[in-house]
Protein backbone atom coordinates (compact mmCIF):
# COMPACT_ATOMS: atom_id res chain seq x y z
CA MET A 1 -0.13 -0.31 -0.16
CA SER A 2 1.27 3.62 -0.69
CA LYS A 3 -0.18 7.08 -0.86
CA HIS A 4 1.10 10.54 -2.47
CA TRP A 5 -0.37 13.94 -2.08
CA ASN A 6 1.38 17.00 -3.34
CA LEU A 7 -0.02 19.09 -0.86
CA GLY A 8 -0.29 22.03 -2.79
CA GLY A 9 -3.64 21.21 -4.14
CA ASP A 10 -4.58 17.77 -3.03
CA LEU A 11 -5.86 18.27 0.79
CA LYS A 12 -9.89 16.67 0.16
CA ASP A 13 -8.39 13.71 2.74
CA PHE A 14 -6.54 16.21 5.02
CA ASP A 15 -8.67 18.51 8.30
CA LEU A 16 -6.56 21.48 8.16
CA GLY A 17 -7.89 22.24 11.81
CA LYS A 18 -6.33 25.73 14.08
CA SER A 19 -3.30 24.87 11.83
CA ASP A 20 -3.77 28.52 9.18
CA ALA A 21 -1.78 26.09 6.56
CA THR A 22 -3.10 27.24 3.03
CA LYS A 23 -2.20 25.68 -0.55
CA GLY A 24 -0.03 28.03 -2.76
CA VAL A 25 3.16 28.35 -4.65
CA TRP A 26 6.82 28.87 -3.08
CA LEU A 27 10.09 28.57 -5.14
CA ASP A 28 7.97 27.71 -8.01
CA SER A 29 6.36 24.83 -6.70
CA ASP A 30 3.23 24.01 -5.20
CA ALA A 31 3.31 23.20 -1.34
CA LEU A 32 1.59 22.92 1.81
CA CYS A 33 2.39 26.69 3.49
CA PHE A 34 2.44 27.45 7.14
CA GLN A 35 2.17 31.02 7.70
CA GLY A 36 0.18 31.08 10.97
CA GLU A 37 1.39 32.59 14.56
CA HIS A 38 0.39 29.01 16.40
CA CYS A 39 1.51 25.29 15.86
CA PHE A 40 -0.79 22.99 15.01
CA PRO A 41 -1.21 19.76 12.98
CA VAL A 42 -2.62 19.01 9.52
CA LEU A 43 -3.80 15.93 9.70
CA LEU A 44 -5.18 13.14 7.34
CA ARG A 45 -8.81 12.36 8.22
CA GLU A 46 -8.69 8.55 8.19
CA ALA A 47 -6.48 7.19 10.67
CA LEU A 48 -3.86 4.38 9.20
CA PHE A 49 -3.89 0.61 10.27
CA MET A 50 0.28 -0.50 9.49
CA ASN A 51 2.19 -2.00 11.46
CA SER A 52 5.36 -0.20 10.09
CA PHE A 53 5.61 2.56 7.51
CA ARG A 54 7.41 5.34 5.55
CA LEU A 55 6.32 8.53 6.00
CA GLU A 56 7.96 11.01 3.61
CA ALA A 57 7.61 14.55 2.39
CA GLU A 58 9.88 17.53 1.07
CA VAL A 59 10.43 20.15 3.47
CA ALA A 60 11.74 23.76 3.66
CA CYS A 61 12.03 26.03 6.26
CA THR A 62 12.93 30.00 6.75
CA PRO A 63 15.41 30.99 9.17
CA GLY A 64 13.83 30.39 12.86
CA SER A 65 10.91 28.23 11.07
CA PHE A 66 10.42 24.88 12.06
CA VAL A 67 8.41 22.11 10.12
CA GLY A 68 7.94 18.28 10.24
CA LEU A 69 5.91 15.17 9.69
CA VAL A 70 3.64 13.71 12.36
CA PHE A 71 2.31 10.21 13.00
CA GLY A 72 0.63 8.42 15.80
CA ALA A 73 -1.80 11.18 16.34
CA VAL A 74 -5.08 10.63 18.37
CA ASP A 75 -6.30 14.01 17.42
CA GLU A 76 -4.54 17.37 17.58
CA SER A 77 -3.38 17.57 20.90
CA ASN A 78 -1.50 14.48 21.03
CA PHE A 79 0.66 12.76 18.25
CA GLU A 80 4.64 12.11 18.08
CA LEU A 81 5.89 14.77 15.68
CA ILE A 82 9.84 15.03 14.08
CA TYR A 83 10.79 18.19 12.99
CA VAL A 84 13.52 20.66 11.32
CA SER A 85 15.03 24.13 11.38
CA ALA A 86 17.24 25.58 9.04
CA ASP A 87 21.35 25.60 9.68
CA ASN A 88 21.99 27.79 12.68
CA GLU A 89 24.81 30.29 13.73
CA TRP A 90 25.43 28.11 16.63
CA ASP A 91 25.62 24.86 15.55
CA LEU A 92 22.93 23.65 17.83
CA PRO A 93 21.11 20.23 17.60
CA ASN A 94 18.22 20.85 14.52
CA LEU A 95 16.60 17.78 13.96
CA GLN A 96 14.05 17.07 17.01
CA CYS A 97 11.99 14.67 18.53
CA ASP A 98 9.17 16.50 20.20
CA PRO A 99 5.77 14.44 20.95
CA VAL A 100 2.93 17.36 21.19
CA MET A 101 1.04 16.04 24.62
CA ASN A 102 -2.37 17.64 25.60
CA GLY A 103 -1.69 20.35 23.36
CA SER A 104 2.04 21.14 24.38
CA SER A 105 5.22 20.71 22.76
CA THR A 106 7.98 18.82 25.27
CA TRP A 107 11.88 19.61 24.10
CA GLN A 108 12.55 21.13 27.31
CA ILE A 109 11.54 17.59 28.09
CA TYR A 110 13.43 15.18 25.62
CA HIS A 111 16.72 17.16 24.36
CA GLY A 112 19.90 15.87 24.48
CA PRO A 113 21.51 12.41 22.11
CA ARG A 114 18.41 10.76 22.85
CA TYR A 115 16.17 13.15 21.12
CA GLN A 116 18.46 15.49 18.82
CA ALA A 117 20.85 15.75 16.02
CA LEU A 118 22.61 18.07 14.33
CA VAL A 119 22.05 17.68 10.67
CA ARG A 120 22.53 19.72 7.42
CA VAL A 121 18.84 21.27 6.64
CA PRO A 122 20.07 24.66 4.41
CA SER A 123 17.78 27.83 5.23
CA GLU A 124 14.81 28.07 1.98
CA GLN A 125 15.79 25.26 0.00
CA TRP A 126 13.62 21.86 -0.18
CA VAL A 127 14.96 19.27 1.62
CA LYS A 128 13.76 15.60 1.89
CA LEU A 129 12.86 14.25 5.46
CA SER A 130 11.95 10.39 5.69
CA LEU A 131 10.46 8.26 8.82
CA LYS A 132 10.32 4.69 9.15
CA VAL A 133 8.00 4.28 11.89
CA HIS A 134 7.69 0.76 13.36
CA PRO A 135 5.10 -0.62 15.84
CA ASP A 136 7.63 0.80 19.16
CA SER A 137 10.44 3.25 17.32
CA VAL A 138 11.18 5.58 14.28
CA SER A 139 14.20 5.71 12.65
CA ILE A 140 14.65 9.27 11.04
CA TYR A 141 16.51 10.19 7.51
CA VAL A 142 17.86 13.75 6.61
CA GLY A 143 18.34 14.81 3.40
CA GLU A 144 19.84 11.56 1.07
CA ALA A 145 21.15 10.10 4.00
CA SER A 146 21.68 6.26 3.31
CA LYS A 147 21.95 5.74 7.64
CA PRO A 148 18.91 7.35 10.23
CA ASN A 149 20.31 10.74 11.38
CA LEU A 150 18.65 9.28 14.53
CA VAL A 151 16.66 6.43 16.22
CA ILE A 152 14.18 6.90 18.53
CA PRO A 153 13.69 3.09 19.78
CA ASN A 154 10.71 4.07 22.51
CA LEU A 155 7.76 5.82 21.39
CA LYS A 156 6.68 8.61 23.23
CA HIS A 157 3.06 8.15 22.81
CA GLY A 158 3.34 4.19 22.86
CA ARG A 159 2.97 1.88 20.07
CA ALA A 160 2.20 3.56 16.50
CA VAL A 161 0.38 0.94 14.82
CA SER A 162 -2.83 3.40 14.18
CA GLY A 163 -3.19 7.06 14.04
CA LYS A 164 -3.56 9.45 11.78
CA ILE A 165 -0.36 10.95 10.29
CA GLY A 166 0.36 14.21 8.72
CA VAL A 167 2.03 17.32 8.95
CA TRP A 168 3.05 20.27 10.97
CA GLY A 169 5.17 23.46 10.68
CA SER A 170 5.60 27.33 12.12
CA SER A 171 5.61 30.25 9.93
CA PRO A 172 6.84 30.37 7.89
CA SER A 173 7.39 26.86 6.30
CA TYR A 174 6.52 24.73 3.29
CA VAL A 175 5.62 21.13 2.59
CA ARG A 176 4.84 19.14 -0.60
CA ASN A 177 4.77 15.59 -2.07
CA LEU A 178 4.05 13.94 1.43
CA THR A 179 4.01 10.11 1.30
CA VAL A 180 3.16 6.96 3.40
CA GLU A 181 4.03 3.55 1.75
CA LYS A 182 3.65 0.35 3.67
CA ILE A 183 7.03 -1.28 4.40
CA GLN A 184 8.33 -4.30 6.17
CA THR A 185 8.71 -4.46 10.39
CA GLU A 186 12.34 -3.98 11.42
CA LEU A 187 14.00 -5.13 14.75
CA ILE A 188 16.16 -1.36 16.54
CA ASN A 189 19.79 -2.75 17.09
CA GLU A 190 20.15 -3.31 20.60
CA GLU A 191 22.60 -1.00 20.81
CA ALA A 192 19.78 1.99 20.24
CA ALA A 193 17.86 1.21 23.42
CA GLU A 194 17.81 3.69 25.64
CA SER A 195 18.92 2.95 29.43
CA LYS A 196 16.60 3.88 32.50
CA PRO A 197 17.60 5.96 35.33
CA GLN A 198 19.85 4.50 37.92
CA GLU A 199 17.13 3.43 40.54
CA GLY A 200 17.89 4.66 43.91
CA THR A 201 19.20 7.58 42.71
CA VAL A 202 16.62 9.49 40.77
CA VAL A 203 13.64 9.67 42.26
CA THR A 204 11.30 7.87 39.81
CA GLU A 205 8.23 7.46 41.60
CA TRP A 206 6.32 10.56 42.76
CA MET A 207 2.42 11.22 44.12
CA VAL A 208 0.99 13.98 41.96
CA SER A 209 -1.97 16.34 42.01
CA LYS A 210 -3.15 19.39 39.81
CA LEU A 211 -3.92 21.84 42.52
CA PRO A 212 -6.40 22.78 43.91
CA GLU A 213 -8.26 18.93 43.16
CA HIS A 214 -5.75 17.21 45.66
CA ASN A 215 -6.38 13.86 43.43
CA TRP A 216 -3.53 12.31 44.18
CA ILE A 217 -2.49 9.74 41.64
CA LYS A 218 0.84 7.57 41.04
CA ALA A 219 3.21 8.56 38.20
CA HIS A 220 6.39 7.35 37.30
CA VAL A 221 9.70 9.15 35.39
CA GLU A 222 10.86 9.21 31.76
CA GLU A 223 13.74 7.17 30.92
CA ASN A 224 15.59 10.43 31.48
CA GLY A 225 14.60 10.61 34.41
CA THR A 226 11.94 13.26 34.14
CA LEU A 227 8.68 13.29 35.58
CA ASN A 228 6.71 14.63 32.30
CA LEU A 229 3.43 16.69 34.22
CA ASN A 230 1.81 17.35 30.19
CA ARG A 231 1.47 13.13 29.76
CA LEU A 232 -0.91 14.33 32.58
CA TYR A 233 -2.13 17.69 32.83
CA THR A 234 -2.77 20.49 29.99
CA SER A 235 0.14 23.04 31.06
CA GLU A 236 -2.38 26.21 31.31
CA ARG A 237 -0.01 29.49 32.00
CA GLY A 238 -0.54 29.38 36.24
CA ALA A 239 -1.21 25.96 36.18
CA VAL A 240 0.08 24.15 39.67
CA VAL A 241 0.66 21.08 39.73
CA GLN A 242 1.89 19.03 43.31
CA ALA A 243 4.16 15.59 43.23
CA LYS A 244 5.73 14.10 46.39
CA CYS A 245 7.39 11.11 47.45
CA SER A 246 8.17 9.40 50.94
CA PHE A 247 11.22 7.10 50.97
CA ASN A 248 13.03 5.33 54.36
CA ILE A 249 17.03 5.37 54.33
CA SER A 250 19.19 3.26 56.99
CA GLU A 251 20.75 6.46 58.88
CA GLU A 252 21.53 9.81 58.60
CA LYS A 253 23.24 10.97 55.76
CA GLU A 254 24.13 14.25 54.45
CA THR A 255 23.82 14.33 50.21
CA LEU A 256 23.70 17.01 47.61
CA LEU A 257 19.88 17.25 46.04
CA SER A 258 20.36 18.07 42.28
CA PHE A 259 17.29 18.76 40.40
CA GLY A 260 16.00 20.85 37.32
CA PHE A 261 12.67 21.91 36.52
CA SER A 262 10.39 24.04 34.14
CA ASP A 263 9.15 26.63 34.31
CA HIS A 264 9.11 27.37 38.65
CA LEU A 265 9.52 25.51 41.61
CA ARG A 266 9.11 25.07 44.89
CA LEU A 267 10.84 22.82 46.86
CA TRP A 268 10.33 20.88 50.44
CA VAL A 269 12.63 18.42 52.00
CA ASN A 270 11.19 17.32 55.45
CA GLU A 271 8.52 20.14 55.02
CA LYS A 272 10.90 22.13 55.27
CA GLU A 273 11.61 25.14 52.09
CA VAL A 274 14.94 24.39 50.87
CA TYR A 275 14.79 26.10 47.40
CA GLN A 276 12.22 28.69 44.70
CA GLY A 277 13.18 29.33 41.84
CA GLU A 278 11.99 29.84 37.69
CA TRP A 279 14.08 28.52 34.60
CA LYS A 280 12.08 29.40 31.37
CA TRP A 281 12.72 29.80 27.70
CA HIS A 282 15.14 32.47 26.18
CA SER A 283 16.55 32.97 22.72
CA PRO A 284 18.69 30.74 21.02
CA GLY A 285 22.27 30.11 21.75
CA LYS A 286 21.74 31.36 25.58
CA THR A 287 22.25 29.15 28.33
CA THR A 288 18.67 29.93 30.01
CA ASP A 289 17.36 27.81 27.34
CA GLY A 290 14.69 25.99 30.23
CA ARG A 291 15.31 22.65 29.11
CA ILE A 292 15.26 20.45 32.29
CA ARG A 293 18.22 19.56 33.37
CA SER A 294 18.57 17.25 36.51
CA ASP A 295 21.96 19.11 37.33
CA HIS A 296 20.30 22.25 37.04
CA ALA A 297 20.15 23.23 40.84
CA ASN A 298 21.35 21.94 44.41
CA VAL A 299 21.38 21.82 48.10
CA SER A 300 23.04 19.95 51.03
CA ILE A 301 20.48 18.13 52.57
CA ARG A 302 20.75 16.18 55.76
CA TRP A 303 18.77 13.41 55.36
CA GLN A 304 17.08 11.65 58.89
CA ALA A 305 17.69 7.79 59.41
CA GLY A 306 14.20 6.71 58.64
CA LEU A 307 11.28 8.45 56.68
CA ASN A 308 12.09 11.16 55.04
CA THR A 309 9.99 13.12 52.30
CA ILE A 310 10.38 15.66 49.35
CA ARG A 311 7.89 17.66 48.00
CA ALA A 312 7.75 19.98 45.06
CA GLU A 313 5.22 22.79 43.65
CA VAL A 314 5.57 22.80 39.88
CA THR A 315 3.85 25.98 37.88
CA SER A 316 3.99 26.24 34.30
CA GLU A 317 3.77 29.42 32.87
CA GLU A 318 4.89 29.25 29.50
CA GLU A 319 1.98 27.09 28.32
CA MET A 320 4.22 25.19 25.58
CA TYR A 321 7.47 23.19 25.41
CA GLY A 322 7.67 21.10 28.53
CA TRP A 323 6.50 20.93 32.24
CA GLY A 324 7.97 19.04 34.69
CA LEU A 325 11.17 18.20 37.06
CA SER A 326 13.84 16.24 37.66
CA VAL A 327 15.48 14.94 41.19
CA ILE A 328 18.42 13.27 41.90
CA VAL A 329 18.74 12.59 45.67
CA GLY A 330 22.36 11.33 46.10
CA LEU A 331 21.16 8.39 48.41
CA ASN A 332 21.48 4.60 46.70
CA ASP A 333 19.24 2.78 49.90
CA ILE A 334 16.11 4.36 49.51
CA PHE A 335 13.04 2.38 50.11
CA TYR A 336 9.41 3.95 48.65
CA ILE A 337 6.58 4.00 50.92
């Protein structure tokens, strides 16, 4: 099975939604043009049901814009997204795995070599973007690459054997010649598999509740050690979530408590406030990029023998980019309660 859409004039099978995308001409070619201020996907109206498929298009970026491919979409607020941006002066990674969850992008959570790569994407030129999507993974090719530029072994929304496909972009960016083709399922090389965070160092289990409801649920961190609040809640401006954990240690001990977050954090240990701060996105090339890194801040903590508690209050202020928390306690013998 294979299908092709030129996107410059063949949109009857697609829902433009809130994308503000329009049919047009760019570089003397029919194309789908993203001109809106907000990034919403253009989705195929019908879901696909294929174990494995190749999703491919030609995309074009202008300086500061992004454009990519969507798959495994439940709706316009929840989908897997792979996008590129044009070459930049800082040599920052410009190929990104950025799953959208409850309407928010999550690149401040999913960053680093597991989820990003530096590739060649000339500004204002057509570049091929190709995805080999398998039930649990995706291999990504940019340009004429014979080997994948990036492999994501564990899709963040789970298995992608069903869901809608589509395209996505920020203003101004362009897409043409979208194709989908059924392919044979392949197994990802074991060397590409992601490791789990080290037990007993990264806090891996939390009880969380969005205020003011106080409906506590158990949540586990991502494979990179981050508690991804976008999985659970919509990150409206001013939304507040509390996260707490309790554990026992065998003896009194002093360690460095390290943590990262987005966007605003208050932190208590054994009900004593030990930190308050803000960490948000600023313009590219600066160190204040808002990405969640577990070594962003630290405080010295004297843990007591027996029961200890950590409580965090994480506030969303940006609404987009990623909302969460990562904490390393520096202890190897904790027992969650």
